[in-house]
Amino acid sequence: MTSNFFYYIVNSGKVALLMSDAGVVGSGVAEAQSGAIGNGLSGTYAFGSSGDDTSFGAFGTVATVGEFNSSGGNIAGVEDTMVDGNLTSNATITNCYAANSSGRVAVMNISGNTCSSTVTQVFWMVNPNRAFFLDLNPNTHISDDGIADLQTGTFSQSSMKGQFALAMGGTDLTTEQLGLSPQLLTRVGVVQLDGTGNVSINELANASDPNVGSVNAPGILSGTYSVSSNGRITGGAANGGGGFDFVMYGVSGTQAYALQADPGVITSGTLERQP
């Protein structure tokens, strides 16, 4: 199979891609490999992924955030997954993997001490600290992909502190967020984490419902957050007009992968601390 792309050079190590094949919609990035990629996954990674569920129609959406430790051919961790508006929280991940010299890491299911021969996920190492991955999801209608980054530092309320930029996108299957359902939904904003469990969010939200017609500014949302030692961040923020709950996994004290945790709404993205 041959795929064709338009590409724009970001820098010597990164290229932005847009698929140019008729009838195919896709975009992404390519990053230059470096370091000991042949060693595959090693250490504890935070990750985020998103994709489609074709069994649910045009608005079938999946998104996942989580963390896992990889060592000696085994993977163990937890994840939070939203599939077509249904949330599975803090689910256990247990897999096995095999790496080769090209930086390709094949992930298989494990039962007891037996590693399956069926590959369910593939990682491609950018470097020992970062990998792109694709979930193969055999025998399902789901296709999704994402990025895993090696975690650094320790995690607590005090380590997740400061002013952060938030960017999320996905679909809304409810009428509670903005406009009619189903529709596409995106948000950008500033998140303030005070280091003691209080959060405030100043966001702009936009949806594909033509009756809304413009970007919505709901005002300051206030709430609380908590942080586990594995980097899992949970909380929510609201005002009189509504709000949203979230779960995130920290890469470090300055970056996290984010997922909206409200039933019927599947938006995900990133949180990054501003300088």
C-alpha atoms as a PDB file:
ATOM      1  CA  MET A   1       0.000   0.000   0.000  1.00  0.00           C
ATOM      2  CA  THR A   2       1.311   3.447  -0.948  1.00  0.00           C
ATOM      3  CA  SER A   3       0.315   6.641   0.873  1.00  0.00           C
ATOM      4  CA  ASN A   4       0.965  10.152  -0.408  1.00  0.00           C
ATOM      5  CA  PHE A   5       1.534  13.272   1.693  1.00  0.00           C
ATOM      6  CA  PHE A   6       2.046  16.986   1.591  1.00  0.00           C
ATOM      7  CA  TYR A   7       4.635  17.915   4.169  1.00  0.00           C
ATOM      8  CA  TYR A   8       5.987  21.010   5.876  1.00  0.00           C
ATOM      9  CA  ILE A   9       9.356  21.045   7.597  1.00  0.00           C
ATOM     10  CA  VAL A  10       9.121  22.249  11.203  1.00  0.00           C
ATOM     11  CA  ASN A  11      12.827  21.796  11.900  1.00  0.00           C
ATOM     12  CA  SER A  12      15.621  19.334  11.148  1.00  0.00           C
ATOM     13  CA  GLY A  13      13.991  16.712  13.369  1.00  0.00           C
ATOM     14  CA  LYS A  14      10.266  17.194  12.744  1.00  0.00           C
ATOM     15  CA  VAL A  15       7.907  17.278   9.729  1.00  0.00           C
ATOM     16  CA  ALA A  16       4.156  18.054   9.655  1.00  0.00           C
ATOM     17  CA  LEU A  17       2.180  15.763   7.302  1.00  0.00           C
ATOM     18  CA  LEU A  18      -1.149  15.951   5.459  1.00  0.00           C
ATOM     19  CA  MET A  19      -2.415  12.950   3.490  1.00  0.00           C
ATOM     20  CA  SER A  20      -3.134  13.779  -0.164  1.00  0.00           C
ATOM     21  CA  ASP A  21      -4.780  10.551  -1.369  1.00  0.00           C
ATOM     22  CA  ALA A  22      -8.303  10.909  -2.756  1.00  0.00           C
ATOM     23  CA  GLY A  23     -10.992   9.909  -0.266  1.00  0.00           C
ATOM     24  CA  VAL A  24      -8.556   9.782   2.688  1.00  0.00           C
ATOM     25  CA  VAL A  25      -8.404  12.364   5.493  1.00  0.00           C
ATOM     26  CA  GLY A  26      -5.404  12.326   7.794  1.00  0.00           C
ATOM     27  CA  SER A  27      -2.653  14.446   9.303  1.00  0.00           C
ATOM     28  CA  GLY A  28       0.209  13.984  11.728  1.00  0.00           C
ATOM     29  CA  VAL A  29       3.889  14.480  12.332  1.00  0.00           C
ATOM     30  CA  ALA A  30       7.101  12.570  11.721  1.00  0.00           C
ATOM     31  CA  GLU A  31      10.056  12.954  14.083  1.00  0.00           C
ATOM     32  CA  ALA A  32      13.674  11.918  13.564  1.00  0.00           C
ATOM     33  CA  GLN A  33      14.788   8.885  15.567  1.00  0.00           C
ATOM     34  CA  SER A  34      17.760   9.197  17.899  1.00  0.00           C
ATOM     35  CA  GLY A  35      19.418   7.341  20.747  1.00  0.00           C
ATOM     36  CA  ALA A  36      19.138   3.683  21.680  1.00  0.00           C
ATOM     37  CA  ILE A  37      15.797   3.027  19.973  1.00  0.00           C
ATOM     38  CA  GLY A  38      16.586  -0.673  19.554  1.00  0.00           C
ATOM     39  CA  ASN A  39      16.154  -1.145  23.303  1.00  0.00           C
ATOM     40  CA  GLY A  40      12.465  -0.313  22.918  1.00  0.00           C
ATOM     41  CA  LEU A  41      10.348   0.791  25.854  1.00  0.00           C
ATOM     42  CA  SER A  42      12.126   1.158  29.179  1.00  0.00           C
ATOM     43  CA  GLY A  43      10.775   3.010  32.210  1.00  0.00           C
ATOM     44  CA  THR A  44       7.444   4.600  33.070  1.00  0.00           C
ATOM     45  CA  TYR A  45       5.509   6.462  30.381  1.00  0.00           C
ATOM     46  CA  ALA A  46       2.411   8.666  30.339  1.00  0.00           C
ATOM     47  CA  PHE A  47       0.321   8.499  27.184  1.00  0.00           C
ATOM     48  CA  GLY A  48      -2.693   9.839  25.358  1.00  0.00           C
ATOM     49  CA  SER A  49      -4.540   8.482  22.320  1.00  0.00           C
ATOM     50  CA  SER A  50      -7.695   9.122  20.312  1.00  0.00           C
ATOM     51  CA  GLY A  51      -9.501   7.634  17.354  1.00  0.00           C
ATOM     52  CA  ASP A  52     -12.737   6.389  15.847  1.00  0.00           C
ATOM     53  CA  ASP A  53     -15.349   3.701  16.434  1.00  0.00           C
ATOM     54  CA  THR A  54     -16.960   2.967  13.068  1.00  0.00           C
ATOM     55  CA  SER A  55     -19.670   0.825  14.667  1.00  0.00           C
ATOM     56  CA  PHE A  56     -21.125   3.987  16.247  1.00  0.00           C
ATOM     57  CA  GLY A  57     -21.518   5.951  13.024  1.00  0.00           C
ATOM     58  CA  ALA A  58     -19.932   9.238  12.000  1.00  0.00           C
ATOM     59  CA  PHE A  59     -19.529  10.448  15.583  1.00  0.00           C
ATOM     60  CA  GLY A  60     -18.078   7.262  17.077  1.00  0.00           C
ATOM     61  CA  THR A  61     -15.073   8.430  19.117  1.00  0.00           C
ATOM     62  CA  VAL A  62     -12.593   6.873  21.523  1.00  0.00           C
ATOM     63  CA  ALA A  63      -9.960   8.525  23.705  1.00  0.00           C
ATOM     64  CA  THR A  64      -7.583   7.170  26.342  1.00  0.00           C
ATOM     65  CA  VAL A  65      -5.047   8.524  28.823  1.00  0.00           C
ATOM     66  CA  GLY A  66      -2.870   6.498  31.171  1.00  0.00           C
ATOM     67  CA  GLU A  67       0.544   5.430  32.369  1.00  0.00           C
ATOM     68  CA  PHE A  68       2.542   2.211  32.277  1.00  0.00           C
ATOM     69  CA  ASN A  69       5.877   0.834  33.382  1.00  0.00           C
ATOM     70  CA  SER A  70       7.833  -1.259  30.911  1.00  0.00           C
ATOM     71  CA  SER A  71      10.664  -3.526  31.961  1.00  0.00           C
ATOM     72  CA  GLY A  72      12.069  -6.884  30.873  1.00  0.00           C
ATOM     73  CA  GLY A  73       9.438  -7.452  28.198  1.00  0.00           C
ATOM     74  CA  ASN A  74       6.459  -6.746  30.466  1.00  0.00           C
ATOM     75  CA  ILE A  75       4.090  -3.771  30.685  1.00  0.00           C
ATOM     76  CA  ALA A  76       1.957  -2.886  33.716  1.00  0.00           C
ATOM     77  CA  GLY A  77      -0.068   0.252  34.332  1.00  0.00           C
ATOM     78  CA  VAL A  78      -3.496   1.894  34.399  1.00  0.00           C
ATOM     79  CA  GLU A  79      -5.646   3.818  31.942  1.00  0.00           C
ATOM     80  CA  ASP A  80      -8.880   5.792  31.675  1.00  0.00           C
ATOM     81  CA  THR A  81     -10.810   5.221  28.457  1.00  0.00           C
ATOM     82  CA  MET A  82     -13.854   6.929  26.951  1.00  0.00           C
ATOM     83  CA  VAL A  83     -15.601   4.949  24.199  1.00  0.00           C
ATOM     84  CA  ASP A  84     -18.639   6.603  22.598  1.00  0.00           C
ATOM     85  CA  GLY A  85     -19.353   8.477  25.824  1.00  0.00           C
ATOM     86  CA  ASN A  86     -18.867   5.543  28.215  1.00  0.00           C
ATOM     87  CA  LEU A  87     -16.013   5.974  30.696  1.00  0.00           C
ATOM     88  CA  THR A  88     -13.889   3.153  32.104  1.00  0.00           C
ATOM     89  CA  SER A  89     -11.787   4.527  34.970  1.00  0.00           C
ATOM     90  CA  ASN A  90      -8.408   3.469  36.303  1.00  0.00           C
ATOM     91  CA  ALA A  91      -8.395   0.129  34.466  1.00  0.00           C
ATOM     92  CA  THR A  92      -5.377  -2.159  34.796  1.00  0.00           C
ATOM     93  CA  ILE A  93      -2.992  -2.654  31.855  1.00  0.00           C
ATOM     94  CA  THR A  94      -1.016  -5.920  31.688  1.00  0.00           C
ATOM     95  CA  ASN A  95       0.824  -6.790  28.478  1.00  0.00           C
ATOM     96  CA  CYS A  96       4.105  -8.103  27.125  1.00  0.00           C
ATOM     97  CA  TYR A  97       6.302  -6.712  24.357  1.00  0.00           C
ATOM     98  CA  ALA A  98       9.211  -7.393  22.029  1.00  0.00           C
ATOM     99  CA  ALA A  99      11.490  -4.759  20.433  1.00  0.00           C
ATOM    100  CA  ASN A 100      13.748  -4.840  17.385  1.00  0.00           C
ATOM    101  CA  SER A 101      16.662  -2.725  16.197  1.00  0.00           C
ATOM    102  CA  SER A 102      14.500  -0.427  14.042  1.00  0.00           C
ATOM    103  CA  GLY A 103      12.697   0.902  17.123  1.00  0.00           C
ATOM    104  CA  ARG A 104       9.514  -1.078  16.482  1.00  0.00           C
ATOM    105  CA  VAL A 105       7.934  -2.490  19.638  1.00  0.00           C
ATOM    106  CA  ALA A 106       5.215  -5.121  19.243  1.00  0.00           C
ATOM    107  CA  VAL A 107       2.807  -5.426  22.194  1.00  0.00           C
ATOM    108  CA  MET A 108       0.842  -8.599  22.900  1.00  0.00           C
ATOM    109  CA  ASN A 109      -1.654  -9.766  25.515  1.00  0.00           C
ATOM    110  CA  ILE A 110      -0.332 -11.850  28.391  1.00  0.00           C
ATOM    111  CA  SER A 111      -2.047 -14.611  30.339  1.00  0.00           C
ATOM    112  CA  GLY A 112      -0.171 -15.721  33.421  1.00  0.00           C
ATOM    113  CA  ASN A 113       3.406 -16.078  32.202  1.00  0.00           C
ATOM    114  CA  THR A 114       2.378 -16.776  28.601  1.00  0.00           C
ATOM    115  CA  CYS A 115       2.739 -14.053  25.982  1.00  0.00           C
ATOM    116  CA  SER A 116       0.253 -14.231  23.100  1.00  0.00           C
ATOM    117  CA  SER A 117       1.486 -14.316  19.513  1.00  0.00           C
ATOM    118  CA  THR A 118      -1.203 -11.819  18.406  1.00  0.00           C
ATOM    119  CA  VAL A 119       0.069  -8.235  18.209  1.00  0.00           C
ATOM    120  CA  THR A 120      -2.508  -5.806  19.613  1.00  0.00           C
ATOM    121  CA  GLN A 121      -0.449  -2.604  19.639  1.00  0.00           C
ATOM    122  CA  VAL A 122       2.680  -1.282  17.922  1.00  0.00           C
ATOM    123  CA  PHE A 123       5.035   1.406  19.214  1.00  0.00           C
ATOM    124  CA  TRP A 124       7.698   3.145  17.143  1.00  0.00           C
ATOM    125  CA  MET A 125      10.405   4.699  19.279  1.00  0.00           C
ATOM    126  CA  VAL A 126      11.360   8.287  18.422  1.00  0.00           C
ATOM    127  CA  ASN A 127      13.992   8.078  21.148  1.00  0.00           C
ATOM    128  CA  PRO A 128      14.154   6.274  24.504  1.00  0.00           C
ATOM    129  CA  ASN A 129      11.923   8.990  26.024  1.00  0.00           C
ATOM    130  CA  ARG A 130       9.181   9.127  23.369  1.00  0.00           C
ATOM    131  CA  ALA A 131       7.196   6.825  21.095  1.00  0.00           C
ATOM    132  CA  PHE A 132       4.291   6.964  18.660  1.00  0.00           C
ATOM    133  CA  PHE A 133       1.841   4.063  18.882  1.00  0.00           C
ATOM    134  CA  LEU A 134      -1.072   2.484  17.059  1.00  0.00           C
ATOM    135  CA  ASP A 135      -3.734   0.293  18.677  1.00  0.00           C
ATOM    136  CA  LEU A 136      -4.559  -2.530  16.275  1.00  0.00           C
ATOM    137  CA  ASN A 137      -7.693  -3.646  18.175  1.00  0.00           C
ATOM    138  CA  PRO A 138      -8.190  -6.924  16.291  1.00  0.00           C
ATOM    139  CA  ASN A 139     -11.811  -8.002  15.794  1.00  0.00           C
ATOM    140  CA  THR A 140     -13.211  -4.566  16.759  1.00  0.00           C
ATOM    141  CA  HIS A 141     -14.383  -1.465  14.906  1.00  0.00           C
ATOM    142  CA  ILE A 142     -12.031   0.822  16.856  1.00  0.00           C
ATOM    143  CA  SER A 143      -8.905   2.461  15.443  1.00  0.00           C
ATOM    144  CA  ASP A 144      -6.806   4.879  17.501  1.00  0.00           C
ATOM    145  CA  ASP A 145      -3.262   6.136  17.867  1.00  0.00           C
ATOM    146  CA  GLY A 146      -1.264   8.270  20.254  1.00  0.00           C
ATOM    147  CA  ILE A 147       1.997   9.312  21.869  1.00  0.00           C
ATOM    148  CA  ALA A 148       3.803   8.024  24.974  1.00  0.00           C
ATOM    149  CA  ASP A 149       6.379  10.137  26.836  1.00  0.00           C
ATOM    150  CA  LEU A 150       8.729   8.999  29.594  1.00  0.00           C
ATOM    151  CA  GLN A 151       7.670  10.374  32.972  1.00  0.00           C
ATOM    152  CA  THR A 152      10.175  12.473  34.923  1.00  0.00           C
ATOM    153  CA  GLY A 153      10.145  13.660  38.521  1.00  0.00           C
ATOM    154  CA  THR A 154       7.601  12.910  41.227  1.00  0.00           C
ATOM    155  CA  PHE A 155       3.910  13.774  41.286  1.00  0.00           C
ATOM    156  CA  SER A 156       1.823  15.526  43.940  1.00  0.00           C
ATOM    157  CA  GLN A 157      -0.487  18.519  44.200  1.00  0.00           C
ATOM    158  CA  SER A 158       2.513  20.747  44.888  1.00  0.00           C
ATOM    159  CA  SER A 159       4.439  19.474  41.847  1.00  0.00           C
ATOM    160  CA  MET A 160       1.452  20.153  39.527  1.00  0.00           C
ATOM    161  CA  LYS A 161       1.315  23.874  40.160  1.00  0.00           C
ATOM    162  CA  GLY A 162       1.192  26.980  37.971  1.00  0.00           C
ATOM    163  CA  GLN A 163      -0.545  28.340  34.898  1.00  0.00           C
ATOM    164  CA  PHE A 164      -1.119  25.826  32.112  1.00  0.00           C
ATOM    165  CA  ALA A 165      -2.435  25.981  28.548  1.00  0.00           C
ATOM    166  CA  LEU A 166      -5.181  23.426  27.795  1.00  0.00           C
ATOM    167  CA  ALA A 167      -6.200  22.226  24.324  1.00  0.00           C
ATOM    168  CA  MET A 168      -8.813  19.469  23.828  1.00  0.00           C
ATOM    169  CA  GLY A 169     -11.016  18.212  21.028  1.00  0.00           C
ATOM    170  CA  GLY A 170     -13.464  15.428  20.218  1.00  0.00           C
ATOM    171  CA  THR A 171     -17.210  14.866  20.078  1.00  0.00           C
ATOM    172  CA  ASP A 172     -20.227  15.666  22.237  1.00  0.00           C
ATOM    173  CA  LEU A 173     -23.123  13.206  22.314  1.00  0.00           C
ATOM    174  CA  THR A 174     -25.145  15.250  24.841  1.00  0.00           C
ATOM    175  CA  THR A 175     -26.984  18.593  24.858  1.00  0.00           C
ATOM    176  CA  GLU A 176     -25.383  19.682  28.117  1.00  0.00           C
ATOM    177  CA  GLN A 177     -22.115  21.122  26.800  1.00  0.00           C
ATOM    178  CA  LEU A 178     -22.836  23.493  23.929  1.00  0.00           C
ATOM    179  CA  GLY A 179     -25.670  23.240  21.397  1.00  0.00           C
ATOM    180  CA  LEU A 180     -27.318  20.163  19.919  1.00  0.00           C
ATOM    181  CA  SER A 181     -25.979  16.614  19.754  1.00  0.00           C
ATOM    182  CA  PRO A 182     -24.167  14.849  18.268  1.00  0.00           C
ATOM    183  CA  GLN A 183     -21.484  17.345  17.296  1.00  0.00           C
ATOM    184  CA  LEU A 184     -17.791  18.088  17.287  1.00  0.00           C
ATOM    185  CA  LEU A 185     -16.507  19.945  20.364  1.00  0.00           C
ATOM    186  CA  THR A 186     -13.207  21.715  21.003  1.00  0.00           C
ATOM    187  CA  ARG A 187     -11.856  23.826  23.844  1.00  0.00           C
ATOM    188  CA  VAL A 188      -8.762  25.888  24.588  1.00  0.00           C
ATOM    189  CA  GLY A 189      -8.018  27.768  27.757  1.00  0.00           C
ATOM    190  CA  VAL A 190      -5.852  28.611  30.721  1.00  0.00           C
ATOM    191  CA  VAL A 191      -5.800  26.330  33.757  1.00  0.00           C
ATOM    192  CA  GLN A 192      -4.552  27.539  37.135  1.00  0.00           C
ATOM    193  CA  LEU A 193      -3.436  24.832  39.581  1.00  0.00           C
ATOM    194  CA  ASP A 194      -2.543  26.353  42.968  1.00  0.00           C
ATOM    195  CA  GLY A 195      -0.522  23.419  44.343  1.00  0.00           C
ATOM    196  CA  THR A 196      -2.957  22.795  47.222  1.00  0.00           C
ATOM    197  CA  GLY A 197      -5.876  21.207  45.334  1.00  0.00           C
ATOM    198  CA  ASN A 198      -7.726  24.196  43.897  1.00  0.00           C
ATOM    199  CA  VAL A 199      -8.205  24.691  40.141  1.00  0.00           C
ATOM    200  CA  SER A 200      -9.647  27.499  38.021  1.00  0.00           C
ATOM    201  CA  ILE A 201     -10.204  27.330  34.253  1.00  0.00           C
ATOM    202  CA  ASN A 202     -10.799  30.177  31.814  1.00  0.00           C
ATOM    203  CA  GLU A 203     -11.751  28.517  28.521  1.00  0.00           C
ATOM    204  CA  LEU A 204     -13.217  29.082  25.085  1.00  0.00           C
ATOM    205  CA  ALA A 205     -15.360  26.287  23.643  1.00  0.00           C
ATOM    206  CA  ASN A 206     -16.599  25.780  20.103  1.00  0.00           C
ATOM    207  CA  ALA A 207     -19.001  23.209  18.673  1.00  0.00           C
ATOM    208  CA  SER A 208     -20.153  22.229  15.199  1.00  0.00           C
ATOM    209  CA  ASP A 209     -23.847  22.884  15.895  1.00  0.00           C
ATOM    210  CA  PRO A 210     -24.732  25.615  13.341  1.00  0.00           C
ATOM    211  CA  ASN A 211     -27.350  27.035  15.723  1.00  0.00           C
ATOM    212  CA  VAL A 212     -24.633  28.079  18.190  1.00  0.00           C
ATOM    213  CA  GLY A 213     -22.743  30.013  15.560  1.00  0.00           C
ATOM    214  CA  SER A 214     -19.824  31.349  17.579  1.00  0.00           C
ATOM    215  CA  VAL A 215     -17.203  30.580  20.180  1.00  0.00           C
ATOM    216  CA  ASN A 216     -18.611  30.256  23.691  1.00  0.00           C
ATOM    217  CA  ALA A 217     -16.865  31.801  26.717  1.00  0.00           C
ATOM    218  CA  PRO A 218     -18.499  30.253  29.796  1.00  0.00           C
ATOM    219  CA  GLY A 219     -16.589  32.389  32.307  1.00  0.00           C
ATOM    220  CA  ILE A 220     -14.272  31.246  35.086  1.00  0.00           C
ATOM    221  CA  LEU A 221     -14.778  27.636  36.180  1.00  0.00           C
ATOM    222  CA  SER A 222     -13.647  26.771  39.712  1.00  0.00           C
ATOM    223  CA  GLY A 223     -13.107  23.442  41.425  1.00  0.00           C
ATOM    224  CA  THR A 224     -10.607  21.040  42.945  1.00  0.00           C
ATOM    225  CA  TYR A 225      -8.022  18.495  41.819  1.00  0.00           C
ATOM    226  CA  SER A 226      -6.014  15.647  43.342  1.00  0.00           C
ATOM    227  CA  VAL A 227      -2.783  14.000  42.220  1.00  0.00           C
ATOM    228  CA  SER A 228      -1.664  10.393  42.738  1.00  0.00           C
ATOM    229  CA  SER A 229       1.965   9.322  42.940  1.00  0.00           C
ATOM    230  CA  ASN A 230       1.726   7.659  39.506  1.00  0.00           C
ATOM    231  CA  GLY A 231       0.870  11.019  37.907  1.00  0.00           C
ATOM    232  CA  ARG A 232      -2.901  10.458  37.668  1.00  0.00           C
ATOM    233  CA  ILE A 233      -4.697  13.798  38.141  1.00  0.00           C
ATOM    234  CA  THR A 234      -8.456  13.923  38.739  1.00  0.00           C
ATOM    235  CA  GLY A 235     -10.813  16.817  39.352  1.00  0.00           C
ATOM    236  CA  GLY A 236     -13.421  19.118  37.948  1.00  0.00           C
ATOM    237  CA  ALA A 237     -14.405  22.749  37.612  1.00  0.00           C
ATOM    238  CA  ALA A 238     -17.750  24.496  37.130  1.00  0.00           C
ATOM    239  CA  ASN A 239     -19.783  27.661  37.529  1.00  0.00           C
ATOM    240  CA  GLY A 240     -23.507  28.422  37.376  1.00  0.00           C
ATOM    241  CA  GLY A 241     -23.546  27.678  33.660  1.00  0.00           C
ATOM    242  CA  GLY A 242     -21.945  24.239  33.873  1.00  0.00           C
ATOM    243  CA  GLY A 243     -18.465  22.778  33.765  1.00  0.00           C
ATOM    244  CA  PHE A 244     -16.573  19.552  33.216  1.00  0.00           C
ATOM    245  CA  ASP A 245     -14.681  16.810  35.028  1.00  0.00           C
ATOM    246  CA  PHE A 246     -11.246  15.637  33.944  1.00  0.00           C
ATOM    247  CA  VAL A 247      -8.624  12.961  34.378  1.00  0.00           C
ATOM    248  CA  MET A 248      -5.026  13.547  33.325  1.00  0.00           C
ATOM    249  CA  TYR A 249      -1.693  11.750  33.483  1.00  0.00           C
ATOM    250  CA  GLY A 250       1.429  13.813  34.048  1.00  0.00           C
ATOM    251  CA  VAL A 251       4.534  13.428  31.917  1.00  0.00           C
ATOM    252  CA  SER A 252       6.238  15.819  34.346  1.00  0.00           C
ATOM    253  CA  GLY A 253       5.272  18.768  36.528  1.00  0.00           C
ATOM    254  CA  THR A 254       4.877  20.811  33.343  1.00  0.00           C
ATOM    255  CA  GLN A 255       2.949  18.524  30.974  1.00  0.00           C
ATOM    256  CA  ALA A 256       0.036  16.060  31.033  1.00  0.00           C
ATOM    257  CA  TYR A 257      -2.321  14.154  28.749  1.00  0.00           C
ATOM    258  CA  ALA A 258      -5.954  15.121  29.449  1.00  0.00           C
ATOM    259  CA  LEU A 259      -9.364  13.442  29.058  1.00  0.00           C
ATOM    260  CA  GLN A 260     -12.817  14.844  29.813  1.00  0.00           C
ATOM    261  CA  ALA A 261     -14.506  12.485  32.280  1.00  0.00           C
ATOM    262  CA  ASP A 262     -18.168  13.381  31.728  1.00  0.00           C
ATOM    263  CA  PRO A 263     -20.549  10.733  30.310  1.00  0.00           C
ATOM    264  CA  GLY A 264     -21.435  11.317  26.684  1.00  0.00           C
ATOM    265  CA  VAL A 265     -18.552  13.701  25.962  1.00  0.00           C
ATOM    266  CA  ILE A 266     -15.337  12.440  24.396  1.00  0.00           C
ATOM    267  CA  THR A 267     -12.710  15.201  24.309  1.00  0.00           C
ATOM    268  CA  SER A 268      -9.006  14.754  24.962  1.00  0.00           C
ATOM    269  CA  GLY A 269      -5.776  16.684  24.525  1.00  0.00           C
ATOM    270  CA  THR A 270      -2.824  18.143  26.366  1.00  0.00           C
ATOM    271  CA  LEU A 271      -2.014  20.365  29.321  1.00  0.00           C
ATOM    272  CA  GLU A 272       1.287  22.288  29.248  1.00  0.00           C
ATOM    273  CA  ARG A 273       2.657  24.764  31.782  1.00  0.00           C
ATOM    274  CA  GLN A 274       3.276  28.232  30.439  1.00  0.00           C
ATOM    275  CA  PRO A 275       6.696  29.868  31.040  1.00  0.00           C
END
